[in-house]
Amino acid sequence: MTPAPQLSYPSPVGDLTVSEDDGAIVALDFGRGMTQTRTALLDEAVAQLAAYFDGSLSDFDLPLNPQGTDFQKKVWDLMRAIPYGGTRAYADLARDLNSAARAVGSACDANPIPVIIPCHRVLAAGGKMGGFSGGDGIPTKVALLRLEGAIAL
């Protein structure tokens, strides 16, 4: 089986690798990918990541196809609706889905396309950071929120 095409980008929070399958982005992983394949979609994804990190892009416009359960996909859709520079609490998303904050947190943790699907914008009660599974964890989440102006420098 041929691995999905992937391309890496050296971001300010470490190398990020985007993967494509069947014309859609299916993953964004922290770290440099084993293979580097240029496709029009991966080139566009890297260009949008570069624009996001230089502050000139606030909304990604890429075809996405994250794999997950129906519930996870609903959580990821809600996360995509959180505007650049904004945050929401796990409990708020849980209320929207008639679910529990812990279930929302698990879906955030399972997000296969972080940054583009902005799980870093979801906080614990009282504005606490909660968790973040990418990069260096909480320091990476803080760096992304600072970049967006969601928290003070």
C-alpha atoms as a PDB file:
ATOM      1  CA  MET A   1       0.000   0.000   0.000  1.00  0.00           C
ATOM      2  CA  THR A   2       1.373   3.380  -0.997  1.00  0.00           C
ATOM      3  CA  PRO A   3       1.500   5.887   1.869  1.00  0.00           C
ATOM      4  CA  ALA A   4      -0.651   8.999   1.582  1.00  0.00           C
ATOM      5  CA  PRO A   5       1.193  11.953   0.047  1.00  0.00           C
ATOM      6  CA  GLN A   6       2.558  14.245   2.733  1.00  0.00           C
ATOM      7  CA  LEU A   7       4.524  17.464   2.901  1.00  0.00           C
ATOM      8  CA  SER A   8       6.185  19.162   5.869  1.00  0.00           C
ATOM      9  CA  TYR A   9       6.339  22.804   6.884  1.00  0.00           C
ATOM     10  CA  PRO A  10       8.848  24.225   9.422  1.00  0.00           C
ATOM     11  CA  SER A  11       6.437  26.259  11.573  1.00  0.00           C
ATOM     12  CA  PRO A  12       7.273  28.389  14.627  1.00  0.00           C
ATOM     13  CA  VAL A  13       5.861  25.565  16.816  1.00  0.00           C
ATOM     14  CA  GLY A  14       7.970  22.882  15.117  1.00  0.00           C
ATOM     15  CA  ASP A  15       7.726  20.896  11.922  1.00  0.00           C
ATOM     16  CA  LEU A  16       4.165  20.185  10.792  1.00  0.00           C
ATOM     17  CA  THR A  17       3.337  17.506   8.232  1.00  0.00           C
ATOM     18  CA  VAL A  18       0.096  17.555   6.269  1.00  0.00           C
ATOM     19  CA  SER A  19      -1.224  14.396   4.613  1.00  0.00           C
ATOM     20  CA  GLU A  20      -3.617  14.117   1.699  1.00  0.00           C
ATOM     21  CA  ASP A  21      -5.913  11.336   0.584  1.00  0.00           C
ATOM     22  CA  ASP A  22      -8.382  11.389  -2.281  1.00  0.00           C
ATOM     23  CA  GLY A  23      -8.203  15.172  -2.752  1.00  0.00           C
ATOM     24  CA  ALA A  24      -8.602  16.185   0.904  1.00  0.00           C
ATOM     25  CA  ILE A  25      -6.376  16.874   3.898  1.00  0.00           C
ATOM     26  CA  VAL A  26      -6.706  13.926   6.287  1.00  0.00           C
ATOM     27  CA  ALA A  27      -4.016  14.657   8.879  1.00  0.00           C
ATOM     28  CA  LEU A  28      -1.668  17.248  10.295  1.00  0.00           C
ATOM     29  CA  ASP A  29       1.056  15.753  12.442  1.00  0.00           C
ATOM     30  CA  PHE A  30       3.723  17.435  14.531  1.00  0.00           C
ATOM     31  CA  GLY A  31       7.152  16.412  13.251  1.00  0.00           C
ATOM     32  CA  ARG A  32       8.725  15.928   9.857  1.00  0.00           C
ATOM     33  CA  GLY A  33       7.172  13.316   7.588  1.00  0.00           C
ATOM     34  CA  MET A  34       9.157  10.395   6.272  1.00  0.00           C
ATOM     35  CA  THR A  35       8.196  11.143   2.680  1.00  0.00           C
ATOM     36  CA  GLN A  36       7.856  14.523   1.052  1.00  0.00           C
ATOM     37  CA  THR A  37       5.459  14.590  -1.881  1.00  0.00           C
ATOM     38  CA  ARG A  38       4.415  17.797  -3.573  1.00  0.00           C
ATOM     39  CA  THR A  39       0.854  17.957  -4.827  1.00  0.00           C
ATOM     40  CA  ALA A  40      -1.221  21.029  -5.618  1.00  0.00           C
ATOM     41  CA  LEU A  41      -3.308  20.490  -2.475  1.00  0.00           C
ATOM     42  CA  LEU A  42      -0.318  19.937  -0.170  1.00  0.00           C
ATOM     43  CA  ASP A  43       1.443  22.979  -1.638  1.00  0.00           C
ATOM     44  CA  GLU A  44      -1.715  25.009  -0.931  1.00  0.00           C
ATOM     45  CA  ALA A  45      -1.967  23.612   2.614  1.00  0.00           C
ATOM     46  CA  VAL A  46       1.654  24.568   3.333  1.00  0.00           C
ATOM     47  CA  ALA A  47       1.100  28.028   1.807  1.00  0.00           C
ATOM     48  CA  GLN A  48      -1.957  28.524   4.039  1.00  0.00           C
ATOM     49  CA  LEU A  49      -0.038  27.330   7.116  1.00  0.00           C
ATOM     50  CA  ALA A  50       2.747  29.804   6.308  1.00  0.00           C
ATOM     51  CA  ALA A  51       0.188  32.605   5.935  1.00  0.00           C
ATOM     52  CA  TYR A  52      -1.479  31.595   9.218  1.00  0.00           C
ATOM     53  CA  PHE A  53       1.823  31.703  11.081  1.00  0.00           C
ATOM     54  CA  ASP A  54       2.826  35.046   9.581  1.00  0.00           C
ATOM     55  CA  GLY A  55      -0.519  36.505  10.671  1.00  0.00           C
ATOM     56  CA  SER A  56      -2.024  37.079   7.225  1.00  0.00           C
ATOM     57  CA  LEU A  57      -4.553  34.196   7.264  1.00  0.00           C
ATOM     58  CA  SER A  58      -7.238  33.682   9.858  1.00  0.00           C
ATOM     59  CA  ASP A  59      -9.435  31.086   8.144  1.00  0.00           C
ATOM     60  CA  PHE A  60      -8.157  27.988   6.384  1.00  0.00           C
ATOM     61  CA  ASP A  61      -9.871  27.137   3.104  1.00  0.00           C
ATOM     62  CA  LEU A  62      -8.912  23.544   2.395  1.00  0.00           C
ATOM     63  CA  PRO A  63     -10.917  20.401   1.668  1.00  0.00           C
ATOM     64  CA  LEU A  64     -10.781  18.315   4.855  1.00  0.00           C
ATOM     65  CA  ASN A  65     -11.738  14.700   5.457  1.00  0.00           C
ATOM     66  CA  PRO A  66     -10.850  13.833   9.051  1.00  0.00           C
ATOM     67  CA  GLN A  67     -11.609  10.246   9.983  1.00  0.00           C
ATOM     68  CA  GLY A  68     -13.546   9.757  13.203  1.00  0.00           C
ATOM     69  CA  THR A  69     -16.873   8.899  14.749  1.00  0.00           C
ATOM     70  CA  ASP A  70     -20.005  10.917  14.037  1.00  0.00           C
ATOM     71  CA  PHE A  71     -19.705  12.520  17.486  1.00  0.00           C
ATOM     72  CA  GLN A  72     -16.050  13.461  16.926  1.00  0.00           C
ATOM     73  CA  LYS A  73     -16.940  15.028  13.575  1.00  0.00           C
ATOM     74  CA  LYS A  74     -19.666  17.114  15.247  1.00  0.00           C
ATOM     75  CA  VAL A  75     -17.135  18.370  17.812  1.00  0.00           C
ATOM     76  CA  TRP A  76     -14.614  19.144  15.070  1.00  0.00           C
ATOM     77  CA  ASP A  77     -17.285  21.075  13.144  1.00  0.00           C
ATOM     78  CA  LEU A  78     -18.004  23.157  16.267  1.00  0.00           C
ATOM     79  CA  MET A  79     -14.280  23.817  16.706  1.00  0.00           C
ATOM     80  CA  ARG A  80     -14.031  25.040  13.108  1.00  0.00           C
ATOM     81  CA  ALA A  81     -16.778  27.565  13.908  1.00  0.00           C
ATOM     82  CA  ILE A  82     -14.714  29.165  16.711  1.00  0.00           C
ATOM     83  CA  PRO A  83     -13.347  32.345  15.137  1.00  0.00           C
ATOM     84  CA  TYR A  84      -9.675  33.192  14.905  1.00  0.00           C
ATOM     85  CA  GLY A  85      -8.632  34.804  18.181  1.00  0.00           C
ATOM     86  CA  GLY A  86     -11.614  33.342  20.009  1.00  0.00           C
ATOM     87  CA  THR A  87     -11.991  30.518  22.486  1.00  0.00           C
ATOM     88  CA  ARG A  88     -14.777  28.331  23.859  1.00  0.00           C
ATOM     89  CA  ALA A  89     -14.934  26.034  26.841  1.00  0.00           C
ATOM     90  CA  TYR A  90     -15.240  22.254  26.623  1.00  0.00           C
ATOM     91  CA  ALA A  91     -18.473  22.620  28.627  1.00  0.00           C
ATOM     92  CA  ASP A  92     -19.908  25.082  26.079  1.00  0.00           C
ATOM     93  CA  LEU A  93     -19.331  22.666  23.212  1.00  0.00           C
ATOM     94  CA  ALA A  94     -20.728  19.831  25.324  1.00  0.00           C
ATOM     95  CA  ARG A  95     -23.895  21.863  25.961  1.00  0.00           C
ATOM     96  CA  ASP A  96     -24.266  22.469  22.220  1.00  0.00           C
ATOM     97  CA  LEU A  97     -24.132  18.702  21.653  1.00  0.00           C
ATOM     98  CA  ASN A  98     -26.120  17.643  24.722  1.00  0.00           C
ATOM     99  CA  SER A  99     -23.035  15.761  25.849  1.00  0.00           C
ATOM    100  CA  ALA A 100     -20.345  15.854  28.537  1.00  0.00           C
ATOM    101  CA  ALA A 101     -17.232  18.031  28.635  1.00  0.00           C
ATOM    102  CA  ARG A 102     -15.057  14.939  29.031  1.00  0.00           C
ATOM    103  CA  ALA A 103     -16.433  13.483  25.775  1.00  0.00           C
ATOM    104  CA  VAL A 104     -15.689  16.770  24.010  1.00  0.00           C
ATOM    105  CA  GLY A 105     -12.160  16.688  25.438  1.00  0.00           C
ATOM    106  CA  SER A 106     -11.667  13.166  24.108  1.00  0.00           C
ATOM    107  CA  ALA A 107     -12.829  14.285  20.660  1.00  0.00           C
ATOM    108  CA  CYS A 108     -10.422  17.235  20.796  1.00  0.00           C
ATOM    109  CA  ASP A 109      -7.608  14.844  21.689  1.00  0.00           C
ATOM    110  CA  ALA A 110      -8.518  12.634  18.700  1.00  0.00           C
ATOM    111  CA  ASN A 111      -8.493  15.568  16.235  1.00  0.00           C
ATOM    112  CA  PRO A 112      -6.358  14.371  13.296  1.00  0.00           C
ATOM    113  CA  ILE A 113      -5.940  17.862  11.807  1.00  0.00           C
ATOM    114  CA  PRO A 114      -4.935  20.197  14.664  1.00  0.00           C
ATOM    115  CA  VAL A 115      -4.228  23.871  13.929  1.00  0.00           C
ATOM    116  CA  ILE A 116      -6.436  23.708  10.811  1.00  0.00           C
ATOM    117  CA  ILE A 117      -9.259  22.244  12.915  1.00  0.00           C
ATOM    118  CA  PRO A 118      -8.470  24.546  15.846  1.00  0.00           C
ATOM    119  CA  CYS A 119      -8.698  22.368  18.959  1.00  0.00           C
ATOM    120  CA  HIS A 120      -6.242  24.814  20.577  1.00  0.00           C
ATOM    121  CA  ARG A 121      -9.170  27.271  20.854  1.00  0.00           C
ATOM    122  CA  VAL A 122     -11.017  25.007  23.306  1.00  0.00           C
ATOM    123  CA  LEU A 123     -10.274  25.730  26.967  1.00  0.00           C
ATOM    124  CA  ALA A 124     -11.176  24.191  30.296  1.00  0.00           C
ATOM    125  CA  ALA A 125     -13.508  25.842  32.797  1.00  0.00           C
ATOM    126  CA  GLY A 126     -12.470  29.290  33.960  1.00  0.00           C
ATOM    127  CA  GLY A 127     -10.216  29.861  30.947  1.00  0.00           C
ATOM    128  CA  LYS A 128      -7.683  27.233  32.045  1.00  0.00           C
ATOM    129  CA  MET A 129      -5.643  25.712  29.252  1.00  0.00           C
ATOM    130  CA  GLY A 130      -6.828  22.106  29.574  1.00  0.00           C
ATOM    131  CA  GLY A 131      -4.778  19.766  27.414  1.00  0.00           C
ATOM    132  CA  PHE A 132      -3.181  19.737  23.983  1.00  0.00           C
ATOM    133  CA  SER A 133      -1.796  16.618  22.357  1.00  0.00           C
ATOM    134  CA  GLY A 134       0.322  18.266  19.661  1.00  0.00           C
ATOM    135  CA  GLY A 135       3.871  19.507  19.688  1.00  0.00           C
ATOM    136  CA  ASP A 136       5.083  20.292  23.197  1.00  0.00           C
ATOM    137  CA  GLY A 137       1.550  20.119  24.629  1.00  0.00           C
ATOM    138  CA  ILE A 138       0.357  23.154  26.590  1.00  0.00           C
ATOM    139  CA  PRO A 139       3.278  25.421  25.502  1.00  0.00           C
ATOM    140  CA  THR A 140       2.286  24.770  21.872  1.00  0.00           C
ATOM    141  CA  LYS A 141      -1.368  25.550  22.651  1.00  0.00           C
ATOM    142  CA  VAL A 142      -0.330  28.786  24.375  1.00  0.00           C
ATOM    143  CA  ALA A 143       1.868  29.747  21.401  1.00  0.00           C
ATOM    144  CA  LEU A 144      -1.031  29.229  18.968  1.00  0.00           C
ATOM    145  CA  LEU A 145      -3.426  31.241  21.148  1.00  0.00           C
ATOM    146  CA  ARG A 146      -0.862  34.047  21.481  1.00  0.00           C
ATOM    147  CA  LEU A 147      -0.323  34.080  17.732  1.00  0.00           C
ATOM    148  CA  GLU A 148      -4.087  34.614  17.312  1.00  0.00           C
ATOM    149  CA  GLY A 149      -4.237  37.248  20.049  1.00  0.00           C
ATOM    150  CA  ALA A 150      -6.580  35.094  22.121  1.00  0.00           C
ATOM    151  CA  ILE A 151      -4.342  35.467  25.182  1.00  0.00           C
ATOM    152  CA  ALA A 152      -1.949  38.233  26.221  1.00  0.00           C
ATOM    153  CA  LEU A 153       1.721  37.937  25.422  1.00  0.00           C
END
